[in-house]
N, C-alpha and C. Protein backbone atom coordinates (compact mmCIF):
# COMPACT_ATOMS: atom_id res chain seq x y z
N MET A 1 2.78 -20.59 20.49
CA MET A 1 2.43 -20.87 19.10
C MET A 1 0.91 -20.97 18.98
N THR A 2 0.43 -20.43 17.90
CA THR A 2 -1.02 -20.44 17.66
C THR A 2 -1.42 -21.76 17.03
N TYR A 3 -2.47 -22.35 17.56
CA TYR A 3 -3.01 -23.56 16.98
C TYR A 3 -4.30 -23.19 16.28
N ILE A 4 -4.32 -23.38 15.00
CA ILE A 4 -5.48 -23.02 14.21
C ILE A 4 -5.89 -24.22 13.38
N PHE A 5 -7.17 -24.48 13.37
CA PHE A 5 -7.69 -25.57 12.57
C PHE A 5 -8.49 -24.99 11.43
N CYS A 6 -8.35 -25.58 10.29
CA CYS A 6 -9.11 -25.13 9.12
C CYS A 6 -10.06 -26.25 8.74
N ILE A 7 -11.33 -25.95 8.77
CA ILE A 7 -12.36 -26.92 8.41
C ILE A 7 -13.07 -26.41 7.17
N PHE A 8 -13.25 -27.26 6.21
CA PHE A 8 -13.96 -26.86 5.00
C PHE A 8 -15.41 -27.28 5.13
N ALA A 9 -16.28 -26.30 5.13
CA ALA A 9 -17.71 -26.57 5.29
C ALA A 9 -18.40 -26.41 3.94
N LYS A 10 -19.29 -27.32 3.66
CA LYS A 10 -20.03 -27.28 2.41
C LYS A 10 -21.18 -26.28 2.57
N ILE A 11 -21.23 -25.32 1.66
CA ILE A 11 -22.32 -24.35 1.69
C ILE A 11 -23.12 -24.46 0.41
N LEU A 12 -23.99 -23.53 0.19
CA LEU A 12 -24.90 -23.59 -0.96
C LEU A 12 -24.17 -23.80 -2.29
N HIS A 13 -24.80 -24.47 -3.19
CA HIS A 13 -24.32 -24.71 -4.55
C HIS A 13 -22.98 -25.44 -4.58
N TYR A 14 -22.74 -26.31 -3.64
CA TYR A 14 -21.57 -27.18 -3.60
C TYR A 14 -20.25 -26.43 -3.54
N LYS A 15 -20.24 -25.25 -2.99
CA LYS A 15 -18.98 -24.54 -2.78
C LYS A 15 -18.47 -24.87 -1.39
N TYR A 16 -17.18 -24.76 -1.21
CA TYR A 16 -16.60 -25.03 0.09
C TYR A 16 -16.04 -23.73 0.65
N MET A 17 -16.30 -23.49 1.92
CA MET A 17 -15.80 -22.31 2.59
C MET A 17 -14.97 -22.78 3.78
N ALA A 18 -13.83 -22.16 3.96
CA ALA A 18 -12.97 -22.54 5.08
C ALA A 18 -13.47 -21.87 6.35
N LYS A 19 -13.56 -22.64 7.42
CA LYS A 19 -13.88 -22.10 8.72
C LYS A 19 -12.65 -22.30 9.59
N TYR A 20 -12.16 -21.21 10.14
CA TYR A 20 -10.94 -21.25 10.91
C TYR A 20 -11.26 -21.24 12.41
N ARG A 21 -10.70 -22.20 13.12
CA ARG A 21 -10.87 -22.28 14.57
C ARG A 21 -9.53 -21.94 15.19
N ILE A 22 -9.52 -20.97 16.08
CA ILE A 22 -8.28 -20.43 16.61
C ILE A 22 -8.09 -20.86 18.07
N LYS A 23 -6.89 -21.34 18.36
CA LYS A 23 -6.50 -21.66 19.73
C LYS A 23 -5.19 -20.94 20.00
N LEU A 24 -5.23 -19.95 20.85
CA LEU A 24 -4.06 -19.12 21.14
C LEU A 24 -3.32 -19.63 22.36
N THR A 25 -2.01 -19.38 22.39
CA THR A 25 -1.21 -19.73 23.56
C THR A 25 -1.36 -18.62 24.59
N GLU A 26 -0.82 -18.86 25.78
CA GLU A 26 -0.94 -17.89 26.87
C GLU A 26 -0.22 -16.59 26.51
N GLU A 27 0.95 -16.68 25.91
CA GLU A 27 1.70 -15.47 25.54
C GLU A 27 0.94 -14.65 24.51
N GLU A 28 0.32 -15.32 23.55
CA GLU A 28 -0.44 -14.61 22.52
C GLU A 28 -1.68 -13.94 23.11
N VAL A 29 -2.32 -14.58 24.05
CA VAL A 29 -3.49 -13.98 24.70
C VAL A 29 -3.06 -12.73 25.47
N ILE A 30 -1.93 -12.81 26.16
CA ILE A 30 -1.41 -11.65 26.90
C ILE A 30 -1.07 -10.51 25.94
N GLU A 31 -0.42 -10.85 24.84
CA GLU A 31 -0.05 -9.82 23.85
C GLU A 31 -1.29 -9.15 23.25
N LEU A 32 -2.26 -9.95 22.86
CA LEU A 32 -3.48 -9.40 22.28
C LEU A 32 -4.28 -8.59 23.30
N SER A 33 -4.30 -9.04 24.54
CA SER A 33 -5.00 -8.30 25.59
C SER A 33 -4.36 -6.94 25.82
N SER A 34 -3.03 -6.88 25.76
CA SER A 34 -2.35 -5.59 25.95
C SER A 34 -2.65 -4.64 24.79
N ILE A 35 -2.83 -5.17 23.60
CA ILE A 35 -3.19 -4.33 22.45
C ILE A 35 -4.58 -3.75 22.64
N VAL A 36 -5.51 -4.57 23.12
CA VAL A 36 -6.89 -4.11 23.30
C VAL A 36 -6.96 -3.08 24.42
N LYS A 37 -6.17 -3.25 25.48
CA LYS A 37 -6.25 -2.36 26.64
C LYS A 37 -5.52 -1.04 26.42
N LYS A 38 -4.46 -1.03 25.62
CA LYS A 38 -3.69 0.19 25.39
C LYS A 38 -4.14 0.84 24.09
N GLY A 39 -4.21 2.15 24.05
CA GLY A 39 -4.71 2.85 22.88
C GLY A 39 -3.64 3.34 21.93
N SER A 40 -2.45 2.77 21.95
CA SER A 40 -1.37 3.26 21.10
C SER A 40 -1.13 2.40 19.86
N HIS A 41 -2.17 1.72 19.41
CA HIS A 41 -2.04 0.86 18.24
C HIS A 41 -2.98 1.34 17.14
N THR A 42 -2.76 0.83 15.95
CA THR A 42 -3.65 1.19 14.84
C THR A 42 -5.02 0.57 15.07
N THR A 43 -6.01 1.15 14.43
CA THR A 43 -7.36 0.60 14.57
C THR A 43 -7.44 -0.80 13.99
N GLN A 44 -6.66 -1.06 12.95
CA GLN A 44 -6.66 -2.40 12.36
C GLN A 44 -6.10 -3.42 13.35
N ALA A 45 -5.03 -3.06 14.05
CA ALA A 45 -4.44 -3.98 15.03
C ALA A 45 -5.41 -4.20 16.19
N TYR A 46 -6.06 -3.13 16.65
CA TYR A 46 -7.05 -3.27 17.72
C TYR A 46 -8.19 -4.18 17.30
N ARG A 47 -8.72 -3.94 16.10
CA ARG A 47 -9.84 -4.73 15.61
C ARG A 47 -9.45 -6.21 15.48
N ALA A 48 -8.29 -6.47 14.90
CA ALA A 48 -7.84 -7.86 14.72
C ALA A 48 -7.61 -8.53 16.07
N ALA A 49 -7.02 -7.80 17.02
CA ALA A 49 -6.77 -8.37 18.34
C ALA A 49 -8.09 -8.71 19.02
N TYR A 50 -9.05 -7.82 18.93
CA TYR A 50 -10.35 -8.06 19.55
C TYR A 50 -11.04 -9.27 18.92
N VAL A 51 -10.97 -9.37 17.60
CA VAL A 51 -11.60 -10.50 16.90
C VAL A 51 -10.92 -11.81 17.30
N LEU A 52 -9.59 -11.83 17.31
CA LEU A 52 -8.87 -13.07 17.63
C LEU A 52 -9.09 -13.49 19.08
N LEU A 53 -9.13 -12.51 19.99
CA LEU A 53 -9.38 -12.86 21.39
C LEU A 53 -10.78 -13.45 21.58
N ASN A 54 -11.74 -12.91 20.88
CA ASN A 54 -13.11 -13.38 21.06
C ASN A 54 -13.41 -14.65 20.28
N CYS A 55 -12.56 -15.00 19.33
CA CYS A 55 -12.74 -16.25 18.58
C CYS A 55 -11.91 -17.39 19.16
N ASP A 56 -11.08 -17.09 20.13
CA ASP A 56 -10.17 -18.07 20.70
C ASP A 56 -10.93 -19.20 21.38
N GLU A 57 -10.52 -20.43 21.07
CA GLU A 57 -11.13 -21.62 21.65
C GLU A 57 -10.13 -22.40 22.49
N GLY A 58 -8.97 -21.82 22.77
CA GLY A 58 -7.93 -22.50 23.52
C GLY A 58 -8.22 -22.51 25.01
N GLU A 59 -7.28 -23.09 25.77
CA GLU A 59 -7.50 -23.20 27.22
C GLU A 59 -7.29 -21.87 27.92
N TYR A 60 -6.65 -20.90 27.26
CA TYR A 60 -6.45 -19.58 27.86
C TYR A 60 -7.47 -18.57 27.35
N SER A 61 -8.51 -19.06 26.77
CA SER A 61 -9.54 -18.21 26.18
C SER A 61 -10.23 -17.36 27.24
N LEU A 62 -10.54 -16.13 26.88
CA LEU A 62 -11.25 -15.23 27.78
C LEU A 62 -12.76 -15.35 27.60
N GLY A 63 -13.18 -16.24 26.77
CA GLY A 63 -14.60 -16.44 26.50
C GLY A 63 -14.86 -16.30 25.01
N LYS A 64 -15.39 -17.36 24.43
CA LYS A 64 -15.62 -17.36 22.98
C LYS A 64 -16.94 -16.67 22.65
N SER A 65 -16.89 -15.85 21.62
CA SER A 65 -18.09 -15.19 21.11
C SER A 65 -18.32 -15.68 19.69
N THR A 66 -19.54 -15.59 19.25
CA THR A 66 -19.83 -15.97 17.87
C THR A 66 -19.47 -14.82 16.94
N ASN A 67 -19.33 -15.15 15.67
CA ASN A 67 -19.01 -14.11 14.68
C ASN A 67 -20.10 -13.05 14.63
N GLU A 68 -21.34 -13.46 14.82
CA GLU A 68 -22.45 -12.50 14.80
C GLU A 68 -22.34 -11.49 15.93
N GLN A 69 -21.97 -11.96 17.12
CA GLN A 69 -21.82 -11.07 18.27
C GLN A 69 -20.66 -10.09 18.04
N ILE A 70 -19.55 -10.61 17.54
CA ILE A 70 -18.39 -9.75 17.27
C ILE A 70 -18.74 -8.72 16.21
N SER A 71 -19.46 -9.17 15.21
CA SER A 71 -19.86 -8.29 14.12
C SER A 71 -20.73 -7.13 14.62
N LYS A 72 -21.63 -7.42 15.54
CA LYS A 72 -22.50 -6.37 16.09
C LYS A 72 -21.74 -5.40 16.97
N VAL A 73 -20.83 -5.90 17.78
CA VAL A 73 -20.09 -5.05 18.71
C VAL A 73 -19.13 -4.14 17.96
N LEU A 74 -18.36 -4.68 17.03
CA LEU A 74 -17.36 -3.89 16.31
C LEU A 74 -17.92 -3.19 15.08
N LYS A 75 -19.14 -3.54 14.71
CA LYS A 75 -19.77 -2.97 13.52
C LYS A 75 -18.92 -3.24 12.27
N ILE A 76 -18.52 -4.49 12.12
CA ILE A 76 -17.79 -4.94 10.94
C ILE A 76 -18.54 -6.12 10.35
N GLY A 77 -18.22 -6.45 9.12
CA GLY A 77 -18.89 -7.54 8.44
C GLY A 77 -18.36 -8.90 8.84
N MET A 78 -19.15 -9.89 8.55
CA MET A 78 -18.76 -11.27 8.85
C MET A 78 -17.54 -11.68 8.02
N ARG A 79 -17.50 -11.18 6.79
CA ARG A 79 -16.38 -11.51 5.91
C ARG A 79 -15.07 -10.94 6.44
N THR A 80 -15.14 -9.77 7.09
CA THR A 80 -13.94 -9.17 7.68
C THR A 80 -13.39 -10.06 8.78
N ILE A 81 -14.27 -10.61 9.58
CA ILE A 81 -13.85 -11.51 10.66
C ILE A 81 -13.19 -12.75 10.07
N ASP A 82 -13.78 -13.30 9.01
CA ASP A 82 -13.19 -14.46 8.35
C ASP A 82 -11.82 -14.14 7.76
N ARG A 83 -11.67 -12.94 7.20
CA ARG A 83 -10.37 -12.55 6.63
C ARG A 83 -9.30 -12.42 7.72
N ILE A 84 -9.67 -11.87 8.86
CA ILE A 84 -8.70 -11.76 9.96
C ILE A 84 -8.26 -13.14 10.42
N LYS A 85 -9.20 -14.06 10.57
CA LYS A 85 -8.86 -15.43 10.95
C LYS A 85 -7.98 -16.08 9.89
N GLN A 86 -8.29 -15.84 8.63
CA GLN A 86 -7.51 -16.43 7.54
C GLN A 86 -6.09 -15.88 7.54
N LYS A 87 -5.94 -14.57 7.75
CA LYS A 87 -4.60 -13.98 7.81
C LYS A 87 -3.80 -14.59 8.95
N CYS A 88 -4.44 -14.80 10.08
CA CYS A 88 -3.76 -15.41 11.22
C CYS A 88 -3.37 -16.84 10.90
N PHE A 89 -4.23 -17.55 10.21
CA PHE A 89 -3.96 -18.94 9.83
C PHE A 89 -2.79 -19.03 8.85
N GLU A 90 -2.78 -18.15 7.85
CA GLU A 90 -1.78 -18.23 6.78
C GLU A 90 -0.45 -17.57 7.14
N GLY A 91 -0.50 -16.45 7.86
CA GLY A 91 0.73 -15.71 8.10
C GLY A 91 1.12 -15.54 9.55
N GLY A 92 0.32 -16.05 10.46
CA GLY A 92 0.64 -15.91 11.86
C GLY A 92 -0.01 -14.68 12.48
N LEU A 93 0.26 -14.50 13.75
CA LEU A 93 -0.35 -13.42 14.51
C LEU A 93 0.05 -12.05 13.99
N ASP A 94 1.32 -11.88 13.64
CA ASP A 94 1.79 -10.58 13.14
C ASP A 94 1.12 -10.21 11.83
N ALA A 95 0.88 -11.17 10.97
CA ALA A 95 0.22 -10.89 9.69
C ALA A 95 -1.21 -10.42 9.90
N ALA A 96 -1.87 -10.94 10.92
CA ALA A 96 -3.25 -10.53 11.19
C ALA A 96 -3.31 -9.13 11.78
N LEU A 97 -2.28 -8.74 12.54
CA LEU A 97 -2.28 -7.44 13.20
C LEU A 97 -1.79 -6.31 12.31
N GLU A 98 -0.93 -6.60 11.38
CA GLU A 98 -0.32 -5.56 10.53
C GLU A 98 -1.05 -5.45 9.21
N ARG A 99 -1.01 -4.29 8.64
CA ARG A 99 -1.56 -4.08 7.30
C ARG A 99 -0.58 -4.66 6.29
N SER A 100 -1.08 -5.44 5.36
CA SER A 100 -0.20 -6.07 4.39
C SER A 100 0.22 -5.08 3.30
N GLU A 101 1.41 -5.24 2.83
CA GLU A 101 1.93 -4.40 1.75
C GLU A 101 1.28 -4.79 0.44
N GLY A 102 1.12 -3.83 -0.43
CA GLY A 102 0.56 -4.12 -1.74
C GLY A 102 1.51 -4.98 -2.56
N THR A 103 0.97 -5.93 -3.28
CA THR A 103 1.81 -6.85 -4.04
C THR A 103 1.78 -6.54 -5.53
N ARG A 104 0.95 -5.57 -5.92
CA ARG A 104 0.83 -5.25 -7.33
C ARG A 104 2.08 -4.53 -7.81
N ILE A 105 2.57 -4.94 -8.97
CA ILE A 105 3.76 -4.35 -9.57
C ILE A 105 3.33 -3.55 -10.78
N TYR A 106 3.66 -2.28 -10.77
CA TYR A 106 3.28 -1.41 -11.86
C TYR A 106 4.44 -1.30 -12.85
N GLU A 107 4.11 -1.45 -14.11
CA GLU A 107 5.11 -1.32 -15.16
C GLU A 107 5.21 0.14 -15.56
N LYS A 108 6.42 0.67 -15.57
CA LYS A 108 6.61 2.07 -15.90
C LYS A 108 6.68 2.19 -17.42
N LYS A 109 5.79 3.01 -18.00
CA LYS A 109 5.74 3.16 -19.45
C LYS A 109 6.61 4.29 -19.95
N VAL A 110 6.72 5.33 -19.14
CA VAL A 110 7.42 6.53 -19.59
C VAL A 110 8.87 6.47 -19.14
N ASP A 111 9.78 6.26 -20.10
CA ASP A 111 11.20 6.29 -19.80
C ASP A 111 11.78 7.62 -20.28
N GLY A 112 13.07 7.77 -20.22
CA GLY A 112 13.71 9.03 -20.59
C GLY A 112 13.48 9.41 -22.04
N ASP A 113 13.51 8.42 -22.94
CA ASP A 113 13.32 8.67 -24.36
C ASP A 113 11.89 9.17 -24.63
N LEU A 114 10.91 8.51 -24.04
CA LEU A 114 9.52 8.92 -24.23
C LEU A 114 9.25 10.28 -23.59
N GLU A 115 9.90 10.55 -22.45
CA GLU A 115 9.77 11.86 -21.82
C GLU A 115 10.21 12.96 -22.76
N ALA A 116 11.35 12.74 -23.40
CA ALA A 116 11.88 13.73 -24.33
C ALA A 116 10.91 13.96 -25.50
N LYS A 117 10.31 12.89 -25.99
CA LYS A 117 9.37 13.01 -27.10
C LYS A 117 8.11 13.76 -26.67
N ILE A 118 7.64 13.51 -25.45
CA ILE A 118 6.46 14.21 -24.95
C ILE A 118 6.75 15.70 -24.77
N VAL A 119 7.92 16.02 -24.22
CA VAL A 119 8.30 17.43 -24.04
C VAL A 119 8.43 18.11 -25.39
N GLN A 120 9.06 17.44 -26.35
CA GLN A 120 9.21 18.01 -27.69
C GLN A 120 7.85 18.26 -28.32
N LEU A 121 6.94 17.32 -28.18
CA LEU A 121 5.59 17.46 -28.72
C LEU A 121 4.84 18.60 -28.04
N CYS A 122 5.02 18.72 -26.74
CA CYS A 122 4.35 19.78 -25.97
C CYS A 122 4.82 21.16 -26.41
N CYS A 123 6.09 21.27 -26.76
CA CYS A 123 6.65 22.56 -27.17
C CYS A 123 6.36 22.87 -28.63
N SER A 124 5.86 21.90 -29.37
CA SER A 124 5.56 22.12 -30.78
C SER A 124 4.23 22.85 -30.94
N GLU A 125 3.92 23.17 -32.19
CA GLU A 125 2.67 23.87 -32.52
C GLU A 125 1.47 22.94 -32.25
N PRO A 126 0.43 23.44 -31.56
CA PRO A 126 -0.76 22.60 -31.32
C PRO A 126 -1.53 22.36 -32.61
N PRO A 127 -2.42 21.38 -32.63
CA PRO A 127 -3.20 21.11 -33.84
C PRO A 127 -4.06 22.32 -34.23
N LYS A 128 -4.47 22.33 -35.50
CA LYS A 128 -5.29 23.44 -35.99
C LYS A 128 -6.59 23.51 -35.19
N GLY A 129 -6.99 24.73 -34.88
CA GLY A 129 -8.22 24.96 -34.14
C GLY A 129 -8.03 24.97 -32.64
N PHE A 130 -6.82 24.74 -32.16
CA PHE A 130 -6.54 24.75 -30.72
C PHE A 130 -5.43 25.75 -30.43
N ALA A 131 -5.57 26.44 -29.32
CA ALA A 131 -4.56 27.43 -28.92
C ALA A 131 -3.37 26.76 -28.25
N LYS A 132 -3.62 25.66 -27.54
CA LYS A 132 -2.54 24.95 -26.85
C LYS A 132 -2.89 23.46 -26.76
N TRP A 133 -1.89 22.66 -26.41
CA TRP A 133 -2.08 21.23 -26.24
C TRP A 133 -2.83 20.96 -24.94
N THR A 134 -3.69 19.97 -24.94
CA THR A 134 -4.27 19.46 -23.70
C THR A 134 -3.56 18.14 -23.39
N LEU A 135 -3.68 17.71 -22.15
CA LEU A 135 -3.02 16.47 -21.76
C LEU A 135 -3.55 15.27 -22.55
N ARG A 136 -4.85 15.26 -22.76
CA ARG A 136 -5.46 14.15 -23.50
C ARG A 136 -5.02 14.16 -24.96
N MET A 137 -4.92 15.36 -25.55
CA MET A 137 -4.47 15.44 -26.94
C MET A 137 -3.02 14.97 -27.05
N LEU A 138 -2.18 15.34 -26.08
CA LEU A 138 -0.79 14.88 -26.09
C LEU A 138 -0.71 13.36 -25.97
N ALA A 139 -1.51 12.80 -25.07
CA ALA A 139 -1.50 11.34 -24.90
C ALA A 139 -1.96 10.63 -26.17
N ASP A 140 -3.01 11.16 -26.79
CA ASP A 140 -3.51 10.57 -28.03
C ASP A 140 -2.49 10.68 -29.15
N LYS A 141 -1.80 11.81 -29.23
CA LYS A 141 -0.80 12.03 -30.29
C LYS A 141 0.39 11.09 -30.11
N VAL A 142 0.80 10.87 -28.87
CA VAL A 142 1.92 9.96 -28.59
C VAL A 142 1.57 8.55 -29.05
N VAL A 143 0.33 8.13 -28.81
CA VAL A 143 -0.11 6.81 -29.26
C VAL A 143 -0.22 6.79 -30.78
N GLU A 144 -0.75 7.87 -31.35
CA GLU A 144 -0.92 7.95 -32.81
C GLU A 144 0.42 7.87 -33.54
N LEU A 145 1.44 8.50 -32.96
CA LEU A 145 2.77 8.46 -33.57
C LEU A 145 3.48 7.12 -33.36
N GLY A 146 2.90 6.24 -32.53
CA GLY A 146 3.44 4.90 -32.36
C GLY A 146 4.55 4.79 -31.35
N TYR A 147 4.68 5.76 -30.46
CA TYR A 147 5.72 5.69 -29.44
C TYR A 147 5.41 4.60 -28.41
N VAL A 148 4.13 4.48 -28.05
CA VAL A 148 3.66 3.45 -27.11
C VAL A 148 2.30 2.95 -27.59
N ASP A 149 1.87 1.81 -27.05
CA ASP A 149 0.56 1.25 -27.40
C ASP A 149 -0.58 2.06 -26.81
N LYS A 150 -0.44 2.43 -25.54
CA LYS A 150 -1.45 3.26 -24.90
C LYS A 150 -0.77 4.06 -23.79
N LEU A 151 -1.35 5.24 -23.53
CA LEU A 151 -0.78 6.13 -22.52
C LEU A 151 -1.91 7.00 -21.97
N SER A 152 -1.94 7.16 -20.67
CA SER A 152 -2.99 7.97 -20.07
C SER A 152 -2.55 9.42 -19.97
N HIS A 153 -3.54 10.31 -19.87
CA HIS A 153 -3.23 11.72 -19.73
C HIS A 153 -2.55 12.01 -18.39
N VAL A 154 -2.77 11.14 -17.41
CA VAL A 154 -2.12 11.31 -16.10
C VAL A 154 -0.61 11.10 -16.22
N SER A 155 -0.20 10.13 -17.03
CA SER A 155 1.23 9.90 -17.24
C SER A 155 1.87 11.09 -17.94
N VAL A 156 1.14 11.67 -18.87
CA VAL A 156 1.65 12.88 -19.55
C VAL A 156 1.77 14.01 -18.53
N HIS A 157 0.77 14.16 -17.68
CA HIS A 157 0.79 15.20 -16.64
C HIS A 157 2.00 15.03 -15.72
N ASN A 158 2.23 13.79 -15.26
CA ASN A 158 3.35 13.53 -14.36
C ASN A 158 4.68 13.82 -15.04
N THR A 159 4.79 13.50 -16.32
CA THR A 159 6.02 13.77 -17.06
C THR A 159 6.27 15.27 -17.17
N LEU A 160 5.24 16.01 -17.53
CA LEU A 160 5.40 17.46 -17.67
C LEU A 160 5.64 18.13 -16.32
N LYS A 161 5.03 17.61 -15.28
CA LYS A 161 5.22 18.17 -13.94
C LYS A 161 6.65 17.93 -13.48
N LYS A 162 7.17 16.76 -13.82
CA LYS A 162 8.54 16.41 -13.43
C LYS A 162 9.56 17.31 -14.12
N THR A 163 9.25 17.70 -15.34
CA THR A 163 10.17 18.54 -16.10
C THR A 163 9.86 20.03 -15.94
N ASN A 164 8.93 20.37 -15.04
CA ASN A 164 8.55 21.75 -14.75
C ASN A 164 8.00 22.47 -15.97
N LEU A 165 7.35 21.73 -16.86
CA LEU A 165 6.69 22.34 -18.01
C LEU A 165 5.22 22.52 -17.70
N SER A 166 4.64 23.55 -18.25
CA SER A 166 3.22 23.81 -18.05
C SER A 166 2.57 24.00 -19.39
N LEU A 167 1.39 23.43 -19.56
CA LEU A 167 0.68 23.61 -20.83
C LEU A 167 0.12 25.02 -20.94
N GLY A 168 0.03 25.74 -19.83
CA GLY A 168 -0.55 27.07 -19.85
C GLY A 168 0.42 28.17 -20.27
N LYS A 169 1.70 27.86 -20.36
CA LYS A 169 2.70 28.90 -20.71
C LYS A 169 3.04 28.88 -22.17
């Protein structure tokens, strides 16, 4: 089990910054050492393993290095080192080694009904002075007609691509 201490240090302008002190167990040191020695891991896992091994203050430590030394050797920023320590503190060793999944949830604006309206509009006569519809004109027209509050031309493109329609035909 990893023993990590979180110390809040007062820095400029009365802000507090967490400083993470890492103490790894023997099994974790062995696991991280095997990641550093073998080249079959992602660069992120290698980098995190190297940072954690060099920041280790436990009894199985291979030698503690300062963040500045690690930063120079790996050519990464100090903030990156702090983030790796923080990930290890909050989610454990696996969280620090693996890339985290995106947590952002995208709301889908174009449903089947709106798709049909976009296709119908695309097949209709273009505005005066234009030979054909553009994606931006279609997006603006959909908003103007009140089908949605806002819509990007990329969403219109994806809809037309999905239905195998082309503005050039």
